[in-house]
N, C-alpha and C. Protein backbone atom coordinates (compact mmCIF):
# COMPACT_ATOMS: atom_id res chain seq x y z
N UNK A 1 0.58 -1.12 -0.17
CA UNK A 1 0.38 -0.08 -0.33
C UNK A 1 0.69 1.34 -0.22
N UNK A 2 2.38 1.03 0.73
CA UNK A 2 2.88 2.41 0.56
C UNK A 2 4.07 1.92 -0.23
N UNK A 3 4.14 2.16 -1.36
CA UNK A 3 5.68 2.01 -2.17
C UNK A 3 6.35 2.45 -2.10
N UNK A 4 6.55 4.35 -1.99
CA UNK A 4 7.56 4.83 -1.61
C UNK A 4 7.63 5.32 0.50
N UNK A 5 7.20 4.09 0.94
CA UNK A 5 7.33 4.74 2.42
C UNK A 5 5.92 5.17 3.01
N UNK A 6 6.26 5.73 4.12
CA UNK A 6 5.22 6.26 5.28
C UNK A 6 5.51 7.80 4.74
N UNK A 7 6.73 7.89 4.91
CA UNK A 7 7.58 9.01 5.23
C UNK A 7 7.09 10.42 4.20
N UNK A 8 6.94 9.98 2.38
CA UNK A 8 6.31 10.06 1.33
C UNK A 8 5.03 10.35 0.92
N UNK A 9 4.26 9.73 1.95
CA UNK A 9 3.03 9.41 1.62
C UNK A 9 2.25 10.40 1.31
N UNK A 10 1.63 10.88 0.94
CA UNK A 10 0.28 12.16 0.81
C UNK A 10 -0.75 10.79 2.33
N UNK A 11 -1.51 11.72 2.59
CA UNK A 11 -2.36 11.06 3.70
C UNK A 11 -3.56 12.45 3.67
N UNK A 12 -4.25 11.29 4.04
CA UNK A 12 -5.58 12.13 4.13
C UNK A 12 -6.12 11.90 5.43
N UNK A 13 -6.27 13.41 6.46
CA UNK A 13 -6.88 14.00 7.43
C UNK A 13 -8.53 14.66 7.43
N UNK A 14 -9.16 13.97 8.76
CA UNK A 14 -10.48 14.43 8.61
C UNK A 14 -9.80 15.50 10.55
N UNK A 15 -10.15 16.78 10.13
CA UNK A 15 -9.30 17.07 11.63
C UNK A 15 -10.00 17.37 12.75
N UNK A 16 -11.75 17.39 12.52
CA UNK A 16 -12.28 17.79 13.47
C UNK A 16 -12.78 16.39 14.60
N UNK A 17 -12.86 15.59 13.62
CA UNK A 17 -12.92 14.18 14.22
C UNK A 17 -12.48 13.13 15.03
N UNK A 18 -10.94 13.41 14.66
CA UNK A 18 -9.63 12.45 15.19
C UNK A 18 -9.18 12.67 16.24
N UNK A 19 -8.75 13.75 17.27
CA UNK A 19 -7.59 13.92 18.17
C UNK A 19 -8.60 14.19 19.39
N UNK A 20 -9.93 13.79 19.10
CA UNK A 20 -10.86 13.45 20.58
C UNK A 20 -10.73 12.17 20.91
N UNK A 21 -11.60 11.60 21.87
CA UNK A 21 -11.82 9.77 22.28
C UNK A 21 -10.81 9.39 22.05
N UNK A 22 -10.58 7.63 21.33
CA UNK A 22 -9.56 7.44 20.69
C UNK A 22 -8.18 7.87 20.36
N UNK A 23 -8.54 9.00 19.38
CA UNK A 23 -7.38 9.74 18.73
C UNK A 23 -7.09 10.31 19.99
N UNK A 24 -7.11 11.24 20.76
CA UNK A 24 -6.32 11.56 22.18
C UNK A 24 -5.64 10.45 22.75
N UNK A 25 -5.87 9.62 22.71
CA UNK A 25 -5.29 8.50 23.03
C UNK A 25 -4.04 7.53 22.06
N UNK A 26 -4.70 7.62 21.05
CA UNK A 26 -3.86 6.94 19.77
C UNK A 26 -3.47 8.12 18.55
N UNK A 27 -2.79 9.55 18.86
CA UNK A 27 -2.05 9.95 17.87
C UNK A 27 -1.61 9.60 16.34
N UNK A 28 -2.09 10.10 15.89
CA UNK A 28 -1.87 9.47 14.34
C UNK A 28 -2.66 8.60 13.92
N UNK A 29 -3.17 7.71 14.68
CA UNK A 29 -4.06 6.59 13.94
C UNK A 29 -5.36 6.96 13.07
N UNK A 30 -5.95 7.87 13.42
CA UNK A 30 -6.94 7.94 12.20
C UNK A 30 -6.52 8.33 11.01
N UNK A 31 -5.34 9.15 10.90
CA UNK A 31 -4.51 9.42 9.27
C UNK A 31 -4.53 8.17 9.54
N UNK A 32 -3.91 7.29 9.82
CA UNK A 32 -3.38 6.25 9.42
C UNK A 32 -5.20 5.62 8.37
N UNK A 33 -5.63 5.53 9.08
CA UNK A 33 -6.60 4.60 8.88
C UNK A 33 -7.75 5.59 7.86
N UNK A 34 -7.60 6.63 7.78
CA UNK A 34 -7.66 7.63 6.67
C UNK A 34 -7.67 6.95 5.35
N UNK A 35 -6.25 7.05 5.53
CA UNK A 35 -5.53 7.23 4.00
C UNK A 35 -4.74 5.70 3.74
N UNK A 36 -5.50 5.01 4.60
CA UNK A 36 -5.25 2.93 3.92
C UNK A 36 -6.85 2.78 3.55
N UNK A 37 -7.65 3.44 4.26
CA UNK A 37 -8.72 3.27 3.56
C UNK A 37 -9.64 3.94 2.31
N UNK A 38 -9.13 5.20 2.01
CA UNK A 38 -8.98 6.46 0.89
C UNK A 38 -8.27 4.98 -0.16
N UNK A 39 -6.73 4.51 0.10
CA UNK A 39 -6.58 4.27 -0.86
C UNK A 39 -7.60 2.77 -1.49
N UNK A 40 -7.33 1.86 -0.85
CA UNK A 40 -8.39 0.91 -0.69
C UNK A 40 -9.82 1.25 -1.95
N UNK A 41 -10.46 2.17 -1.05
CA UNK A 41 -11.81 2.58 -1.62
C UNK A 41 -11.38 3.25 -3.13
N UNK A 42 -10.24 3.68 -3.06
CA UNK A 42 -9.74 4.40 -5.02
C UNK A 42 -9.36 2.97 -5.27
N UNK A 43 -8.77 1.96 -5.24
CA UNK A 43 -8.55 0.61 -5.89
C UNK A 43 -9.54 -0.34 -5.84
N UNK A 44 -10.42 -0.59 -4.77
CA UNK A 44 -11.62 -1.48 -5.27
C UNK A 44 -12.85 -0.53 -6.32
N UNK A 45 -12.81 0.58 -5.83
CA UNK A 45 -14.09 1.27 -6.25
C UNK A 45 -15.35 0.81 -5.92
N UNK A 46 -15.66 0.45 -4.63
CA UNK A 46 -16.82 -0.44 -4.26
C UNK A 46 -18.02 0.90 -4.27
N UNK A 47 -18.98 -0.39 -3.84
CA UNK A 47 -20.59 0.62 -4.42
C UNK A 47 -20.91 1.04 -2.49
N UNK A 48 -20.19 -0.01 -1.84
CA UNK A 48 -20.50 0.25 -0.05
C UNK A 48 -19.39 -0.54 0.44
N UNK A 49 -19.61 -0.02 1.33
CA UNK A 49 -18.22 -0.27 2.46
C UNK A 49 -18.85 -1.15 4.21
N UNK A 50 -18.51 -1.53 4.89
CA UNK A 50 -19.68 -2.08 5.67
C UNK A 50 -17.85 -1.82 7.14
N UNK A 51 -18.65 -1.34 7.62
CA UNK A 51 -17.72 -0.70 9.18
C UNK A 51 -18.64 -1.10 10.43
N UNK A 52 -17.53 -1.87 11.32
CA UNK A 52 -18.92 -2.23 12.32
C UNK A 52 -18.81 -1.08 13.53
N UNK A 53 -19.89 -0.90 14.27
CA UNK A 53 -20.23 0.02 14.90
C UNK A 53 -19.68 -0.07 16.13
N UNK A 54 -19.00 -1.38 16.55
CA UNK A 54 -17.86 -1.19 17.69
C UNK A 54 -16.94 -0.05 17.61
N UNK A 55 -16.09 0.22 16.91
CA UNK A 55 -15.25 1.53 16.74
C UNK A 55 -16.60 2.32 16.25
N UNK A 56 -16.78 2.77 16.83
CA UNK A 56 -17.73 3.89 16.38
C UNK A 56 -16.86 5.32 15.44
N UNK A 57 -15.81 5.47 16.57
CA UNK A 57 -15.31 7.33 16.10
C UNK A 57 -15.23 6.47 14.32
N UNK A 58 -14.11 5.51 14.12
CA UNK A 58 -13.44 4.91 13.26
C UNK A 58 -14.76 4.91 11.67
N UNK A 59 -16.15 4.78 12.53
CA UNK A 59 -17.35 4.42 11.11
C UNK A 59 -17.29 5.86 11.18
N UNK A 60 -17.82 7.08 12.03
CA UNK A 60 -18.06 8.02 12.06
C UNK A 60 -17.10 8.94 10.83
N UNK A 61 -15.64 8.58 11.18
CA UNK A 61 -14.63 9.31 10.49
C UNK A 61 -14.79 8.76 8.99
N UNK A 62 -14.78 7.81 9.17
CA UNK A 62 -14.53 7.02 7.16
C UNK A 62 -15.89 7.59 7.13
N UNK A 63 -17.05 8.01 7.56
CA UNK A 63 -18.43 8.55 7.13
C UNK A 63 -18.03 10.08 6.23
N UNK A 64 -17.49 10.76 7.17
CA UNK A 64 -16.57 12.20 7.31
C UNK A 64 -15.77 12.38 5.83
N UNK A 65 -15.50 11.52 6.18
CA UNK A 65 -14.37 11.32 4.50
C UNK A 65 -14.79 10.89 3.20
N UNK A 66 -15.61 10.32 3.17
CA UNK A 66 -16.25 9.64 2.20
C UNK A 66 -17.25 10.95 1.82
N UNK A 67 -17.80 11.71 2.56
CA UNK A 67 -18.39 12.21 2.14
C UNK A 67 -17.70 13.59 1.83
N UNK A 68 -17.12 14.09 2.21
CA UNK A 68 -16.01 15.45 2.38
C UNK A 68 -15.25 14.78 1.01
N UNK A 69 -15.30 14.17 0.83
CA UNK A 69 -14.15 13.59 -0.60
C UNK A 69 -15.20 13.40 -1.74
N UNK A 70 -16.13 13.63 -1.51
CA UNK A 70 -17.54 13.06 -2.60
C UNK A 70 -16.73 11.59 -2.66
N UNK A 71 -16.58 10.85 -2.12
CA UNK A 71 -16.59 9.43 -2.74
C UNK A 71 -17.81 9.02 -3.10
N UNK A 72 -18.17 8.12 -4.10
CA UNK A 72 -19.29 7.75 -4.31
C UNK A 72 -19.71 6.23 -3.74
N UNK A 73 -19.69 5.79 -2.43
CA UNK A 73 -19.82 4.41 -1.91
C UNK A 73 -20.46 4.98 -0.43
N UNK A 74 -21.48 3.71 -0.41
CA UNK A 74 -23.01 4.20 0.70
C UNK A 74 -21.51 3.14 1.87
N UNK A 75 -21.16 4.45 2.68
CA UNK A 75 -20.44 3.51 4.10
C UNK A 75 -22.18 2.90 5.47
N UNK A 76 -21.74 1.96 5.47
CA UNK A 76 -22.92 1.05 6.31
C UNK A 76 -22.30 0.54 7.51
N UNK A 77 -23.20 0.56 8.36
CA UNK A 77 -22.33 -0.23 9.57
C UNK A 77 -22.82 -1.40 10.15
N UNK A 78 -22.26 -2.08 10.67
CA UNK A 78 -22.75 -3.76 10.82
C UNK A 78 -22.88 -3.68 12.91
N UNK A 79 -23.43 -4.35 13.53
CA UNK A 79 -23.69 -4.21 14.56
C UNK A 79 -22.69 -4.59 15.71
N UNK A 80 -22.83 -4.50 16.80
CA UNK A 80 -21.92 -4.96 17.91
C UNK A 80 -21.97 -6.60 18.01
N UNK A 81 -21.40 -7.24 18.01
CA UNK A 81 -21.56 -8.63 18.53
C UNK A 81 -20.80 -8.72 20.01
N UNK A 82 -21.56 -9.02 20.83
CA UNK A 82 -21.89 -9.44 22.03
C UNK A 82 -21.52 -10.38 22.37
N UNK A 83 -20.92 -10.62 24.27
CA UNK A 83 -20.55 -12.10 25.00
C UNK A 83 -21.86 -12.59 25.17
N UNK A 84 -22.54 -13.38 25.64
CA UNK A 84 -23.26 -13.87 26.72
C UNK A 84 -23.89 -12.57 27.54
N UNK A 85 -23.14 -12.00 28.03
CA UNK A 85 -23.20 -11.24 29.26
C UNK A 85 -23.33 -9.60 29.01
N UNK A 86 -23.28 -9.35 27.70
CA UNK A 86 -23.27 -8.24 27.22
C UNK A 86 -22.48 -7.56 26.94
N UNK A 87 -20.94 -7.98 27.21
CA UNK A 87 -19.81 -7.48 26.89
C UNK A 87 -19.78 -7.14 25.45
N UNK A 88 -19.09 -6.05 24.60
CA UNK A 88 -18.78 -5.84 23.24
C UNK A 88 -17.29 -7.14 22.99
N UNK A 89 -17.71 -7.81 21.85
CA UNK A 89 -16.75 -9.08 21.23
C UNK A 89 -15.44 -8.39 20.85
N UNK A 90 -14.42 -8.49 21.29
CA UNK A 90 -13.17 -8.17 20.72
C UNK A 90 -11.82 -9.15 21.63
N UNK A 91 -11.18 -8.85 20.37
CA UNK A 91 -9.40 -9.56 20.54
C UNK A 91 -9.01 -9.54 21.98
N UNK A 92 -9.02 -8.21 22.26
CA UNK A 92 -8.91 -7.62 23.45
C UNK A 92 -9.49 -8.28 25.16
N UNK A 93 -10.38 -8.77 24.38
CA UNK A 93 -11.31 -9.60 25.85
C UNK A 93 -10.36 -10.33 26.18
N UNK A 94 -9.24 -11.82 25.03
CA UNK A 94 -9.15 -12.43 26.00
C UNK A 94 -8.19 -12.06 27.45
N UNK A 95 -7.18 -10.63 27.20
CA UNK A 95 -5.89 -9.92 28.32
C UNK A 95 -6.85 -9.64 29.96
N UNK A 96 -8.48 -9.59 29.85
CA UNK A 96 -9.40 -9.51 30.69
C UNK A 96 -8.11 -10.66 31.95
N UNK A 97 -8.48 -10.21 33.25
CA UNK A 97 -8.19 -11.70 33.99
C UNK A 97 -9.65 -12.18 34.52
N UNK A 98 -9.55 -13.28 34.71
CA UNK A 98 -10.41 -14.01 35.47
C UNK A 98 -11.63 -13.29 36.56
N UNK A 99 -10.42 -12.38 37.43
CA UNK A 99 -11.04 -11.49 38.99
C UNK A 99 -11.88 -9.96 38.09
N UNK A 100 -11.51 -10.05 36.84
CA UNK A 100 -11.83 -8.56 36.31
C UNK A 100 -13.29 -9.14 35.23
N UNK A 101 -13.35 -9.91 34.83
CA UNK A 101 -14.74 -10.09 33.66
C UNK A 101 -15.94 -10.29 34.44
N UNK A 102 -16.20 -10.56 35.40
CA UNK A 102 -17.08 -10.21 35.91
C UNK A 102 -17.67 -8.84 35.99
N UNK A 103 -16.56 -8.12 36.12
CA UNK A 103 -17.32 -7.12 36.64
C UNK A 103 -16.92 -5.85 35.34
N UNK A 104 -16.37 -6.18 34.00
CA UNK A 104 -15.95 -5.16 32.92
C UNK A 104 -17.31 -4.88 32.22
N UNK A 105 -18.60 -5.77 32.39
CA UNK A 105 -19.81 -5.50 31.60
C UNK A 105 -19.61 -4.09 32.65
N UNK A 106 -19.31 -3.57 33.95
CA UNK A 106 -19.82 -1.96 34.03
C UNK A 106 -19.80 -1.01 32.80
N UNK A 107 -19.01 -1.09 31.82
CA UNK A 107 -19.04 -0.32 30.50
C UNK A 107 -20.26 -0.31 30.25
N UNK A 108 -20.41 -1.13 29.38
CA UNK A 108 -21.77 -1.20 28.74
C UNK A 108 -22.92 -0.75 29.77
N UNK A 109 -23.28 -1.17 31.16
CA UNK A 109 -24.16 -0.83 32.06
C UNK A 109 -24.29 0.62 32.18
N UNK A 110 -22.78 0.97 32.40
CA UNK A 110 -23.12 2.39 32.66
C UNK A 110 -23.65 3.67 31.06
N UNK A 111 -22.97 3.06 30.27
CA UNK A 111 -23.76 3.93 28.64
C UNK A 111 -25.22 3.55 28.40
N UNK A 112 -25.76 1.69 28.87
CA UNK A 112 -27.23 2.08 29.00
C UNK A 112 -27.21 3.08 29.76
N UNK A 113 -27.18 3.28 31.34
CA UNK A 113 -27.84 3.87 32.62
C UNK A 113 -27.98 5.44 31.89
N UNK A 114 -27.18 5.87 31.26
CA UNK A 114 -26.70 7.18 30.64
C UNK A 114 -28.07 7.11 29.77
N UNK A 115 -28.02 5.79 28.45
CA UNK A 115 -29.08 6.76 27.61
C UNK A 115 -30.83 6.62 28.61
N UNK A 116 -30.57 5.41 29.80
CA UNK A 116 -32.36 5.84 30.02
C UNK A 116 -32.21 7.26 30.20
N UNK A 117 -31.56 7.55 31.05
CA UNK A 117 -31.87 8.36 31.71
C UNK A 117 -32.05 9.75 30.82
N UNK A 118 -31.20 10.24 29.22
CA UNK A 118 -31.30 10.97 28.32
C UNK A 118 -32.95 10.77 28.31
N UNK A 119 -33.62 9.37 27.49
CA UNK A 119 -34.90 9.06 27.13
C UNK A 119 -35.82 9.76 28.31
N UNK A 120 -35.65 9.56 29.73
CA UNK A 120 -36.67 10.58 30.18
C UNK A 120 -36.82 11.69 30.78
N UNK A 121 -35.77 12.51 30.04
CA UNK A 121 -35.48 13.90 30.15
C UNK A 121 -34.38 14.42 30.55
N UNK A 122 -33.24 13.84 31.09
CA UNK A 122 -32.14 14.36 31.93
C UNK A 122 -31.31 14.57 30.74
N UNK A 123 -30.79 16.11 30.22
CA UNK A 123 -29.89 16.68 29.38
C UNK A 123 -28.51 17.48 30.38
N UNK A 124 -28.21 16.80 31.66
CA UNK A 124 -27.36 16.99 31.94
C UNK A 124 -25.58 16.29 32.13
N UNK A 125 -25.79 16.92 30.34
CA UNK A 125 -24.59 15.78 29.84
C UNK A 125 -23.09 15.10 30.81
N UNK A 126 -23.30 16.95 31.51
CA UNK A 126 -21.48 16.95 32.01
C UNK A 126 -21.96 16.11 33.66
N UNK A 127 -23.22 15.85 34.18
CA UNK A 127 -23.16 15.57 35.04
C UNK A 127 -23.76 14.20 34.76
N UNK A 128 -24.05 13.24 34.12
CA UNK A 128 -24.32 11.91 33.82
C UNK A 128 -23.11 11.24 33.06
N UNK A 129 -21.90 12.02 32.56
CA UNK A 129 -21.17 11.11 31.90
C UNK A 129 -20.26 11.18 33.56
N UNK A 130 -20.23 12.19 34.17
CA UNK A 130 -19.60 12.47 35.90
C UNK A 130 -19.88 11.16 36.61
N UNK A 131 -21.36 10.68 36.66
CA UNK A 131 -21.59 9.95 37.70
C UNK A 131 -21.27 8.27 36.62
N UNK A 132 -21.41 8.79 35.17
CA UNK A 132 -20.88 6.83 34.69
C UNK A 132 -19.37 7.01 35.31
N UNK A 133 -18.65 7.60 34.82
CA UNK A 133 -17.47 7.45 35.38
C UNK A 133 -16.81 6.79 36.67
N UNK A 134 -17.91 7.22 37.75
CA UNK A 134 -17.64 7.05 38.90
C UNK A 134 -18.04 5.70 39.05
N UNK A 135 -18.81 5.23 38.63
CA UNK A 135 -19.52 4.17 38.58
C UNK A 135 -17.93 2.77 38.23
N UNK A 136 -17.55 3.61 36.61
CA UNK A 136 -16.55 2.26 36.46
C UNK A 136 -15.24 2.30 37.35
N UNK A 137 -15.17 3.80 37.83
CA UNK A 137 -14.03 3.94 38.94
C UNK A 137 -14.22 2.82 39.94
N UNK A 138 -15.29 2.81 40.71
CA UNK A 138 -15.96 2.42 41.54
C UNK A 138 -15.83 0.72 41.10
N UNK A 139 -15.94 0.15 40.51
CA UNK A 139 -15.68 -1.00 39.60
C UNK A 139 -14.20 -1.74 39.97
N UNK A 140 -13.90 -0.60 39.75
CA UNK A 140 -12.00 -0.96 39.96
C UNK A 140 -11.21 -0.65 38.85
N UNK A 141 -12.11 0.00 37.51
CA UNK A 141 -11.17 0.57 36.53
C UNK A 141 -11.05 1.90 36.24
N UNK A 142 -9.49 2.30 35.27
CA UNK A 142 -9.21 3.44 35.29
C UNK A 142 -9.90 3.79 33.55
N UNK A 143 -11.01 4.97 33.95
CA UNK A 143 -11.20 6.01 32.88
C UNK A 143 -10.80 6.39 31.72
N UNK A 144 -10.76 6.08 30.36
CA UNK A 144 -10.31 6.51 29.18
C UNK A 144 -11.46 8.07 28.89
N UNK A 145 -12.48 7.28 28.41
CA UNK A 145 -13.20 8.94 28.55
C UNK A 145 -14.68 7.73 28.96
N UNK A 146 -15.82 8.82 29.22
CA UNK A 146 -17.24 8.62 28.81
C UNK A 146 -17.82 9.86 28.55
N UNK A 147 -18.60 9.94 27.38
CA UNK A 147 -19.28 10.89 27.03
C UNK A 147 -20.41 10.82 26.13
N UNK A 148 -21.19 11.78 25.53
CA UNK A 148 -22.26 11.59 25.08
C UNK A 148 -22.15 12.77 23.94
N UNK A 149 -21.99 12.12 22.70
CA UNK A 149 -22.01 13.31 21.48
C UNK A 149 -23.27 13.32 20.39
N UNK A 150 -23.02 14.27 19.81
CA UNK A 150 -23.78 14.42 18.76
C UNK A 150 -23.26 13.17 17.71
N UNK A 151 -24.52 12.11 16.85
CA UNK A 151 -23.67 11.31 16.66
C UNK A 151 -23.17 11.14 15.32
N UNK A 152 -23.41 11.96 14.37
CA UNK A 152 -22.89 12.88 13.21
C UNK A 152 -21.44 13.42 13.59
N UNK A 153 -21.45 14.60 14.64
CA UNK A 153 -19.86 14.89 14.12
C UNK A 153 -19.06 14.40 15.22
N UNK A 154 -20.03 14.09 15.94
CA UNK A 154 -18.40 13.46 17.50
C UNK A 154 -18.97 15.09 18.59
N UNK A 155 -19.20 16.01 17.89
CA UNK A 155 -19.20 17.15 19.40
C UNK A 155 -19.63 16.73 20.43
N UNK A 156 -19.23 17.35 20.69
CA UNK A 156 -20.18 17.63 22.30
C UNK A 156 -21.86 17.68 21.41
N UNK A 157 -23.12 16.37 22.56
CA UNK A 157 -24.06 16.65 22.90
C UNK A 157 -24.82 17.87 23.46
N UNK A 158 -25.30 18.45 22.04
CA UNK A 158 -26.29 19.69 22.20
C UNK A 158 -27.83 19.76 22.67
N UNK A 159 -28.31 20.15 24.00
CA UNK A 159 -29.47 20.15 24.54
C UNK A 159 -30.82 19.33 23.33
N UNK A 160 -30.50 19.83 22.17
CA UNK A 160 -31.49 19.81 20.87
C UNK A 160 -30.85 18.82 19.83
N UNK A 161 -29.83 18.00 20.35
CA UNK A 161 -29.59 17.10 19.22
C UNK A 161 -30.48 15.72 19.35
N UNK A 162 -30.86 15.19 18.34
CA UNK A 162 -32.04 13.80 18.56
C UNK A 162 -31.46 12.81 17.73
N UNK A 163 -30.42 12.74 16.88
CA UNK A 163 -29.54 11.34 16.84
C UNK A 163 -27.98 11.70 18.13
N UNK A 164 -27.82 10.50 19.12
CA UNK A 164 -26.77 10.96 20.29
C UNK A 164 -26.17 9.32 20.39
N UNK A 165 -24.73 9.60 20.45
CA UNK A 165 -23.79 8.61 20.23
C UNK A 165 -23.13 8.71 22.18
N UNK A 166 -23.74 7.61 22.81
CA UNK A 166 -23.23 7.66 23.77
C UNK A 166 -21.79 6.73 24.20
N UNK A 167 -20.13 7.26 24.04
CA UNK A 167 -19.04 6.80 24.16
C UNK A 167 -18.23 6.21 25.09
N UNK A 168 -17.31 5.33 25.29
CA UNK A 168 -16.86 5.05 26.76
C UNK A 168 -15.42 4.25 26.30
N UNK A 169 -15.04 4.12 27.23
CA UNK A 169 -13.15 3.33 26.90
C UNK A 169 -12.83 3.24 28.39
N UNK A 170 -12.24 2.26 28.50
CA UNK A 170 -11.62 2.11 30.30
C UNK A 170 -10.75 1.38 29.74
N UNK A 171 -9.87 1.47 30.96
CA UNK A 171 -8.70 0.48 31.34
C UNK A 171 -8.49 -0.83 32.51
N UNK A 172 -9.05 -1.73 31.78
CA UNK A 172 -8.63 -2.96 32.49
C UNK A 172 -7.04 -3.49 33.21
N UNK A 173 -6.55 -4.38 33.83
CA UNK A 173 -5.08 -4.27 34.07
C UNK A 173 -4.47 -4.42 32.67
N UNK A 174 -4.57 -5.16 32.09
CA UNK A 174 -3.85 -5.44 30.60
C UNK A 174 -4.72 -4.68 29.41
N UNK A 175 -5.65 -4.63 29.16
CA UNK A 175 -6.59 -4.09 28.22
C UNK A 175 -7.20 -2.87 28.24
N UNK A 176 -7.84 -2.20 26.61
CA UNK A 176 -8.77 -0.97 26.69
C UNK A 176 -9.42 -1.32 26.47
N UNK A 177 -10.71 -1.00 26.80
CA UNK A 177 -12.45 -2.06 26.16
C UNK A 177 -13.42 -0.66 25.98
N UNK A 178 -13.54 -0.65 24.85
CA UNK A 178 -14.32 0.41 23.99
C UNK A 178 -15.48 -0.14 23.72
N UNK A 179 -16.56 1.18 23.82
CA UNK A 179 -18.33 0.38 23.33
C UNK A 179 -19.21 1.68 23.11
N UNK A 180 -20.24 1.74 23.17
CA UNK A 180 -20.80 2.69 22.26
C UNK A 180 -22.34 2.68 22.14
N UNK A 181 -23.37 3.49 22.64
CA UNK A 181 -24.63 3.19 22.64
C UNK A 181 -25.46 4.07 21.55
N UNK A 182 -26.01 3.79 20.98
CA UNK A 182 -26.72 5.32 19.65
C UNK A 182 -27.95 4.83 20.46
N UNK A 183 -28.65 6.70 20.94
CA UNK A 183 -30.09 6.67 20.56
C UNK A 183 -30.53 7.63 19.78
N UNK A 184 -31.96 7.79 18.89
CA UNK A 184 -32.78 8.83 18.74
C UNK A 184 -34.29 9.07 19.58
N UNK A 185 -33.84 10.68 20.34
CA UNK A 185 -34.60 11.04 20.34
C UNK A 185 -36.08 11.74 19.66
């Protein structure tokens, strides 16, 4: 994909969506994603590309890139596959210790709790985020982020947003877990 090496490679950048959430912890990651995906789209010329919702930020960034660059591609989403207890499936789950395993569902449960609160009219987004973070810390995990965003832009949700995505990431002893939940009001 990079015949001349990465140092001289032209790059695709989505400036407003890639330095927050997972991008804050992984500088340059989404620049690599958008660059390689745009190259792949150019080579294959697909009518549709399907990305998993589990990595919601990646899906949103790819959608923005395709829109901004007028790519004639439908970007579709595939649902999150979950373990029987609700944990989002990931290769990272193999790093979760036996002691942590029954507790890691706190991430999903916290996102569900936020969604339920929003649906009944609670628009104190910062307060909801703070409470969810406290739940995760109380369960013994380190927070990367919990945030309530506009589903399209990934900007902090506004009171009048109708499409909201709640995103969270936390650290176990040896894994970083991500999850999200989208709601329509």
